[in-house]
Amino acid sequence: MPRIVGVIDEPVAPGATDNLDINIHSRSLIKFIQQTNTPITVGIQGEWGSGKTSLINSIYHEFNSDPTIKQIWINSWEYSLLSTPEESLLKIINRIIEELLESDTDTKRKDAIKSGAEKIFKGALRVGAQVALGTEAAKVTQEL
């Protein structure tokens, strides 16, 4: 009987053998991040199984022990399932705000950020309701 060979789509664990040769890219991105003024955003794109998650894991673990760096892990698939792009964006923004508030010790600033975020989300809800359902729906959302 012939041997069946399959591809396992699992990220490379830290310290495991790097069969995808991701380490060179990981080291380059780590160096870039360390030498660049913040804030920065880095996008990782690639085909299925090309090592995106392994690359991100490698970078994440490199910075995880540095208390001066705040990392926020966003799994876009998790937020996009059964959601429109607009809903996904609002969910991701909300998650980022939650993560930042978790690590902030300034209560006054936390309250100000929560209040501002609430206003932004209510405004987005009104606009979304008006676009999707018309002016009457937007009026209903103003009662929130």
N, C-alpha and C. Protein backbone atom coordinates (compact mmCIF):
# COMPACT_ATOMS: atom_id res chain seq x y z
N MET A 1 0.85 -1.18 0.00
CA MET A 1 0.00 0.00 0.00
C MET A 1 0.90 1.24 0.00
N PRO A 2 0.60 2.22 -0.85
CA PRO A 2 1.43 3.42 -0.91
C PRO A 2 1.26 4.26 0.35
N ARG A 3 2.33 4.91 0.72
CA ARG A 3 2.32 5.77 1.90
C ARG A 3 1.65 7.09 1.54
N ILE A 4 0.71 7.53 2.35
CA ILE A 4 0.00 8.79 2.12
C ILE A 4 0.71 9.88 2.91
N VAL A 5 1.02 10.95 2.22
CA VAL A 5 1.70 12.08 2.84
C VAL A 5 0.76 13.27 2.82
N GLY A 6 0.63 13.95 3.93
CA GLY A 6 -0.23 15.12 4.01
C GLY A 6 0.52 16.31 4.55
N VAL A 7 -0.11 17.44 4.43
CA VAL A 7 0.47 18.67 4.94
C VAL A 7 -0.30 19.06 6.20
N ILE A 8 0.42 19.31 7.26
CA ILE A 8 -0.19 19.73 8.52
C ILE A 8 -0.03 21.24 8.61
N ASP A 9 -1.15 21.92 8.77
CA ASP A 9 -1.11 23.38 8.88
C ASP A 9 -1.06 23.78 10.35
N GLU A 10 0.08 23.58 10.96
CA GLU A 10 0.28 23.99 12.34
C GLU A 10 1.49 24.90 12.41
N PRO A 11 1.39 25.99 13.19
CA PRO A 11 2.53 26.89 13.32
C PRO A 11 3.73 26.19 13.96
N VAL A 12 4.91 26.65 13.59
CA VAL A 12 6.14 26.14 14.19
C VAL A 12 6.19 26.61 15.64
N ALA A 13 6.42 25.69 16.56
CA ALA A 13 6.52 26.05 17.97
C ALA A 13 7.87 26.71 18.23
N PRO A 14 7.93 27.63 19.21
CA PRO A 14 9.21 28.27 19.52
C PRO A 14 10.28 27.22 19.84
N GLY A 15 11.42 27.35 19.21
CA GLY A 15 12.52 26.43 19.43
C GLY A 15 12.48 25.18 18.58
N ALA A 16 11.39 24.97 17.83
CA ALA A 16 11.27 23.78 16.98
C ALA A 16 12.06 23.98 15.69
N THR A 17 12.23 22.91 14.93
CA THR A 17 12.95 22.97 13.66
C THR A 17 12.21 23.88 12.69
N ASP A 18 12.93 24.79 12.07
CA ASP A 18 12.37 25.79 11.16
C ASP A 18 12.48 25.28 9.72
N ASN A 19 11.56 24.40 9.32
CA ASN A 19 11.60 23.83 7.97
C ASN A 19 11.20 24.83 6.89
N LEU A 20 10.54 25.90 7.27
CA LEU A 20 10.09 26.89 6.29
C LEU A 20 11.11 28.02 6.10
N ASP A 21 12.21 27.96 6.82
CA ASP A 21 13.25 29.00 6.74
C ASP A 21 12.71 30.38 7.12
N ILE A 22 11.90 30.41 8.15
CA ILE A 22 11.27 31.65 8.59
C ILE A 22 12.21 32.49 9.44
N ASN A 23 13.16 31.86 10.08
CA ASN A 23 14.03 32.54 11.03
C ASN A 23 14.71 33.78 10.44
N ILE A 24 15.15 33.71 9.20
CA ILE A 24 15.82 34.87 8.59
C ILE A 24 14.86 36.06 8.50
N HIS A 25 13.61 35.78 8.16
CA HIS A 25 12.61 36.86 8.06
C HIS A 25 12.24 37.36 9.45
N SER A 26 12.13 36.44 10.38
CA SER A 26 11.80 36.80 11.75
C SER A 26 12.87 37.72 12.34
N ARG A 27 14.12 37.35 12.21
CA ARG A 27 15.22 38.16 12.74
C ARG A 27 15.22 39.55 12.09
N SER A 28 14.97 39.61 10.79
CA SER A 28 14.95 40.90 10.08
C SER A 28 13.83 41.79 10.60
N LEU A 29 12.64 41.21 10.77
CA LEU A 29 11.51 42.00 11.27
C LEU A 29 11.72 42.42 12.72
N ILE A 30 12.29 41.55 13.52
CA ILE A 30 12.57 41.91 14.92
C ILE A 30 13.54 43.09 14.96
N LYS A 31 14.57 43.04 14.16
CA LYS A 31 15.55 44.13 14.11
C LYS A 31 14.88 45.43 13.63
N PHE A 32 14.04 45.32 12.60
CA PHE A 32 13.32 46.48 12.08
C PHE A 32 12.44 47.10 13.17
N ILE A 33 11.70 46.26 13.88
CA ILE A 33 10.81 46.75 14.94
C ILE A 33 11.61 47.42 16.05
N GLN A 34 12.73 46.82 16.42
CA GLN A 34 13.56 47.38 17.49
C GLN A 34 14.15 48.74 17.12
N GLN A 35 14.41 48.96 15.84
CA GLN A 35 15.08 50.18 15.40
C GLN A 35 14.14 51.25 14.87
N THR A 36 12.85 50.97 14.84
CA THR A 36 11.89 51.91 14.29
C THR A 36 11.14 52.61 15.41
N ASN A 37 10.93 53.92 15.24
CA ASN A 37 10.13 54.67 16.21
C ASN A 37 8.68 54.22 16.13
N THR A 38 8.05 54.15 17.27
CA THR A 38 6.65 53.75 17.29
C THR A 38 5.77 54.97 17.13
N PRO A 39 4.52 54.84 16.78
CA PRO A 39 3.83 53.59 16.51
C PRO A 39 4.12 53.10 15.09
N ILE A 40 4.11 51.80 14.93
CA ILE A 40 4.25 51.20 13.61
C ILE A 40 3.24 50.07 13.47
N THR A 41 2.93 49.76 12.24
CA THR A 41 2.06 48.63 11.93
C THR A 41 2.79 47.79 10.90
N VAL A 42 2.80 46.50 11.13
CA VAL A 42 3.44 45.58 10.19
C VAL A 42 2.37 44.60 9.72
N GLY A 43 2.22 44.47 8.42
CA GLY A 43 1.27 43.51 7.85
C GLY A 43 2.00 42.29 7.33
N ILE A 44 1.46 41.12 7.59
CA ILE A 44 2.05 39.87 7.11
C ILE A 44 1.03 39.23 6.17
N GLN A 45 1.42 39.02 4.93
CA GLN A 45 0.54 38.39 3.94
C GLN A 45 1.24 37.20 3.32
N GLY A 46 0.47 36.19 2.96
CA GLY A 46 1.05 35.03 2.32
C GLY A 46 -0.01 33.98 2.05
N GLU A 47 0.35 33.02 1.24
CA GLU A 47 -0.54 31.92 0.91
C GLU A 47 -0.76 31.02 2.12
N TRP A 48 -1.79 30.17 2.03
CA TRP A 48 -2.06 29.20 3.07
C TRP A 48 -0.84 28.31 3.24
N GLY A 49 -0.42 28.13 4.49
CA GLY A 49 0.70 27.25 4.78
C GLY A 49 2.07 27.84 4.52
N SER A 50 2.13 29.14 4.25
CA SER A 50 3.43 29.75 3.93
C SER A 50 4.22 30.16 5.17
N GLY A 51 3.60 30.06 6.36
CA GLY A 51 4.32 30.33 7.59
C GLY A 51 4.01 31.66 8.26
N LYS A 52 2.88 32.28 7.91
CA LYS A 52 2.54 33.58 8.50
C LYS A 52 2.43 33.50 10.03
N THR A 53 1.67 32.52 10.52
CA THR A 53 1.49 32.39 11.96
C THR A 53 2.79 32.04 12.65
N SER A 54 3.59 31.19 12.03
CA SER A 54 4.89 30.83 12.61
C SER A 54 5.78 32.07 12.73
N LEU A 55 5.76 32.91 11.70
CA LEU A 55 6.55 34.14 11.71
C LEU A 55 6.08 35.07 12.83
N ILE A 56 4.78 35.26 12.92
CA ILE A 56 4.23 36.14 13.94
C ILE A 56 4.52 35.59 15.34
N ASN A 57 4.36 34.27 15.51
CA ASN A 57 4.67 33.65 16.81
C ASN A 57 6.11 33.90 17.21
N SER A 58 7.01 33.77 16.26
CA SER A 58 8.43 33.96 16.52
C SER A 58 8.71 35.38 17.00
N ILE A 59 8.12 36.35 16.34
CA ILE A 59 8.30 37.75 16.72
C ILE A 59 7.65 38.01 18.08
N TYR A 60 6.45 37.50 18.27
CA TYR A 60 5.73 37.69 19.53
C TYR A 60 6.55 37.16 20.71
N HIS A 61 7.09 35.96 20.58
CA HIS A 61 7.86 35.36 21.67
C HIS A 61 9.16 36.11 21.94
N GLU A 62 9.71 36.72 20.91
CA GLU A 62 10.94 37.51 21.09
C GLU A 62 10.69 38.71 22.00
N PHE A 63 9.54 39.36 21.81
CA PHE A 63 9.23 40.58 22.56
C PHE A 63 8.41 40.33 23.82
N ASN A 64 7.91 39.13 24.00
CA ASN A 64 7.01 38.83 25.11
C ASN A 64 7.61 39.10 26.48
N SER A 65 8.91 38.95 26.62
CA SER A 65 9.53 39.15 27.93
C SER A 65 9.96 40.59 28.18
N ASP A 66 9.72 41.48 27.21
CA ASP A 66 10.11 42.88 27.35
C ASP A 66 8.95 43.69 27.92
N PRO A 67 9.03 44.14 29.18
CA PRO A 67 7.91 44.86 29.80
C PRO A 67 7.66 46.24 29.19
N THR A 68 8.58 46.74 28.39
CA THR A 68 8.39 48.06 27.78
C THR A 68 7.59 47.98 26.48
N ILE A 69 7.28 46.78 26.04
CA ILE A 69 6.56 46.60 24.78
C ILE A 69 5.19 46.01 25.06
N LYS A 70 4.15 46.67 24.53
CA LYS A 70 2.78 46.17 24.66
C LYS A 70 2.40 45.54 23.33
N GLN A 71 2.15 44.24 23.36
CA GLN A 71 1.73 43.53 22.16
C GLN A 71 0.24 43.22 22.26
N ILE A 72 -0.44 43.36 21.15
CA ILE A 72 -1.86 43.02 21.10
C ILE A 72 -2.04 41.99 19.99
N TRP A 73 -2.48 40.81 20.36
CA TRP A 73 -2.66 39.72 19.41
C TRP A 73 -4.08 39.78 18.87
N ILE A 74 -4.20 40.01 17.57
CA ILE A 74 -5.51 40.06 16.92
C ILE A 74 -5.56 38.94 15.89
N ASN A 75 -6.50 38.02 16.06
CA ASN A 75 -6.72 36.98 15.07
C ASN A 75 -7.88 37.44 14.19
N SER A 76 -7.56 37.95 13.02
CA SER A 76 -8.59 38.55 12.17
C SER A 76 -9.66 37.55 11.75
N TRP A 77 -9.30 36.28 11.63
CA TRP A 77 -10.30 35.26 11.28
C TRP A 77 -11.38 35.19 12.35
N GLU A 78 -10.97 35.26 13.58
CA GLU A 78 -11.90 35.17 14.71
C GLU A 78 -12.94 36.29 14.65
N TYR A 79 -12.52 37.47 14.23
CA TYR A 79 -13.42 38.62 14.21
C TYR A 79 -14.22 38.73 12.91
N SER A 80 -13.77 38.06 11.86
CA SER A 80 -14.44 38.22 10.57
C SER A 80 -15.50 37.16 10.32
N LEU A 81 -15.50 36.07 11.08
CA LEU A 81 -16.49 35.02 10.87
C LEU A 81 -17.90 35.56 11.12
N LEU A 82 -18.76 35.36 10.16
CA LEU A 82 -20.16 35.77 10.25
C LEU A 82 -20.34 37.27 10.51
N SER A 83 -19.40 38.08 10.07
CA SER A 83 -19.48 39.53 10.26
C SER A 83 -19.17 40.25 8.96
N THR A 84 -19.75 41.42 8.80
CA THR A 84 -19.41 42.26 7.66
C THR A 84 -18.03 42.87 7.93
N PRO A 85 -17.37 43.38 6.90
CA PRO A 85 -16.08 44.04 7.13
C PRO A 85 -16.18 45.18 8.15
N GLU A 86 -17.28 45.93 8.10
CA GLU A 86 -17.46 47.04 9.04
C GLU A 86 -17.58 46.54 10.48
N GLU A 87 -18.37 45.48 10.66
CA GLU A 87 -18.52 44.90 12.00
C GLU A 87 -17.18 44.35 12.50
N SER A 88 -16.46 43.71 11.60
CA SER A 88 -15.14 43.16 11.97
C SER A 88 -14.21 44.27 12.44
N LEU A 89 -14.20 45.37 11.69
CA LEU A 89 -13.34 46.50 12.05
C LEU A 89 -13.69 47.03 13.44
N LEU A 90 -14.97 47.20 13.71
CA LEU A 90 -15.39 47.71 15.02
C LEU A 90 -15.02 46.72 16.13
N LYS A 91 -15.17 45.43 15.87
CA LYS A 91 -14.79 44.42 16.87
C LYS A 91 -13.29 44.47 17.16
N ILE A 92 -12.50 44.63 16.11
CA ILE A 92 -11.04 44.69 16.28
C ILE A 92 -10.63 45.94 17.04
N ILE A 93 -11.23 47.08 16.68
CA ILE A 93 -10.93 48.33 17.39
C ILE A 93 -11.30 48.19 18.86
N ASN A 94 -12.46 47.60 19.13
CA ASN A 94 -12.90 47.40 20.51
C ASN A 94 -11.91 46.53 21.27
N ARG A 95 -11.43 45.47 20.64
CA ARG A 95 -10.46 44.57 21.29
C ARG A 95 -9.16 45.31 21.61
N ILE A 96 -8.70 46.13 20.67
CA ILE A 96 -7.47 46.91 20.89
C ILE A 96 -7.65 47.85 22.09
N ILE A 97 -8.79 48.52 22.13
CA ILE A 97 -9.08 49.43 23.25
C ILE A 97 -9.10 48.66 24.57
N GLU A 98 -9.77 47.50 24.58
CA GLU A 98 -9.83 46.68 25.80
C GLU A 98 -8.43 46.29 26.27
N GLU A 99 -7.59 45.86 25.33
CA GLU A 99 -6.22 45.45 25.68
C GLU A 99 -5.42 46.62 26.25
N LEU A 100 -5.56 47.79 25.64
CA LEU A 100 -4.82 48.96 26.12
C LEU A 100 -5.32 49.39 27.50
N LEU A 101 -6.62 49.33 27.70
CA LEU A 101 -7.17 49.71 29.00
C LEU A 101 -6.75 48.74 30.10
N GLU A 102 -6.63 47.46 29.75
CA GLU A 102 -6.21 46.45 30.72
C GLU A 102 -4.85 46.78 31.34
N SER A 103 -3.97 47.32 30.52
CA SER A 103 -2.61 47.58 31.00
C SER A 103 -2.41 49.01 31.51
N ASP A 104 -3.43 49.84 31.42
CA ASP A 104 -3.31 51.23 31.85
C ASP A 104 -3.68 51.35 33.33
N THR A 105 -2.82 51.97 34.10
CA THR A 105 -3.08 52.12 35.54
C THR A 105 -3.71 53.47 35.90
N ASP A 106 -3.82 54.38 34.93
CA ASP A 106 -4.38 55.70 35.17
C ASP A 106 -5.91 55.63 35.02
N THR A 107 -6.63 55.62 36.14
CA THR A 107 -8.08 55.46 36.14
C THR A 107 -8.79 56.59 35.39
N LYS A 108 -8.33 57.81 35.57
CA LYS A 108 -8.95 58.96 34.91
C LYS A 108 -8.83 58.83 33.39
N ARG A 109 -7.66 58.45 32.93
CA ARG A 109 -7.44 58.28 31.49
C ARG A 109 -8.29 57.11 30.97
N LYS A 110 -8.38 56.03 31.74
CA LYS A 110 -9.20 54.88 31.36
C LYS A 110 -10.65 55.30 31.13
N ASP A 111 -11.18 56.07 32.09
CA ASP A 111 -12.57 56.53 31.99
C ASP A 111 -12.77 57.42 30.77
N ALA A 112 -11.81 58.29 30.49
CA ALA A 112 -11.91 59.18 29.33
C ALA A 112 -11.89 58.36 28.03
N ILE A 113 -11.04 57.36 27.97
CA ILE A 113 -10.95 56.52 26.77
C ILE A 113 -12.24 55.73 26.59
N LYS A 114 -12.76 55.16 27.68
CA LYS A 114 -14.01 54.40 27.60
C LYS A 114 -15.15 55.28 27.11
N SER A 115 -15.23 56.49 27.64
CA SER A 115 -16.28 57.42 27.25
C SER A 115 -16.16 57.79 25.77
N GLY A 116 -14.95 58.09 25.33
CA GLY A 116 -14.73 58.43 23.93
C GLY A 116 -15.05 57.27 23.01
N ALA A 117 -14.64 56.08 23.39
CA ALA A 117 -14.90 54.89 22.57
C ALA A 117 -16.39 54.62 22.48
N GLU A 118 -17.09 54.81 23.58
CA GLU A 118 -18.54 54.60 23.59
C GLU A 118 -19.22 55.55 22.61
N LYS A 119 -18.80 56.81 22.59
CA LYS A 119 -19.38 57.79 21.65
C LYS A 119 -19.09 57.39 20.21
N ILE A 120 -17.87 56.95 19.96
CA ILE A 120 -17.49 56.55 18.59
C ILE A 120 -18.34 55.36 18.14
N PHE A 121 -18.48 54.36 19.01
CA PHE A 121 -19.24 53.17 18.63
C PHE A 121 -20.72 53.47 18.45
N LYS A 122 -21.26 54.35 19.28
CA LYS A 122 -22.67 54.73 19.10
C LYS A 122 -22.86 55.47 17.78
N GLY A 123 -21.91 56.35 17.45
CA GLY A 123 -21.98 57.05 16.17
C GLY A 123 -21.88 56.09 15.00
N ALA A 124 -21.00 55.13 15.10
CA ALA A 124 -20.85 54.13 14.04
C ALA A 124 -22.12 53.29 13.91
N LEU A 125 -22.74 52.97 15.04
CA LEU A 125 -23.99 52.22 15.02
C LEU A 125 -25.08 53.01 14.31
N ARG A 126 -25.18 54.31 14.59
CA ARG A 126 -26.19 55.15 13.93
C ARG A 126 -25.97 55.21 12.42
N VAL A 127 -24.72 55.42 12.02
CA VAL A 127 -24.40 55.50 10.59
C VAL A 127 -24.71 54.16 9.93
N GLY A 128 -24.30 53.07 10.56
CA GLY A 128 -24.55 51.74 10.00
C GLY A 128 -26.03 51.45 9.88
N ALA A 129 -26.79 51.81 10.91
CA ALA A 129 -28.24 51.58 10.88
C ALA A 129 -28.89 52.40 9.78
N GLN A 130 -28.45 53.64 9.61
CA GLN A 130 -29.03 54.49 8.58
C GLN A 130 -28.72 53.94 7.18
N VAL A 131 -27.49 53.52 6.97
CA VAL A 131 -27.10 52.99 5.66
C VAL A 131 -27.85 51.70 5.37
N ALA A 132 -27.94 50.82 6.36
CA ALA A 132 -28.54 49.51 6.15
C ALA A 132 -30.07 49.54 6.17
N LEU A 133 -30.63 50.35 7.07
CA LEU A 133 -32.07 50.26 7.30
C LEU A 133 -32.84 51.57 7.09
N GLY A 134 -32.15 52.67 6.87
CA GLY A 134 -32.82 53.93 6.61
C GLY A 134 -32.81 54.87 7.80
N THR A 135 -33.39 56.04 7.58
CA THR A 135 -33.37 57.13 8.56
C THR A 135 -34.09 56.76 9.86
N GLU A 136 -35.18 56.03 9.76
CA GLU A 136 -35.94 55.67 10.97
C GLU A 136 -35.10 54.80 11.91
N ALA A 137 -34.33 53.90 11.35
CA ALA A 137 -33.46 53.04 12.18
C ALA A 137 -32.41 53.88 12.89
N ALA A 138 -31.88 54.88 12.20
CA ALA A 138 -30.88 55.76 12.82
C ALA A 138 -31.49 56.52 13.99
N LYS A 139 -32.77 56.92 13.85
CA LYS A 139 -33.45 57.63 14.94
C LYS A 139 -33.58 56.74 16.17
N VAL A 140 -33.88 55.47 15.94
CA VAL A 140 -34.02 54.53 17.06
C VAL A 140 -32.70 54.39 17.81
N THR A 141 -31.60 54.37 17.09
CA THR A 141 -30.29 54.19 17.74
C THR A 141 -29.91 55.41 18.57
N GLN A 142 -30.50 56.56 18.30
CA GLN A 142 -30.18 57.76 19.09
C GLN A 142 -30.69 57.65 20.52
N GLU A 143 -31.62 56.74 20.74
CA GLU A 143 -32.15 56.54 22.09
C GLU A 143 -31.18 55.76 22.97
N LEU A 144 -30.15 55.17 22.39
CA LEU A 144 -29.19 54.37 23.16
C LEU A 144 -28.32 55.24 24.02
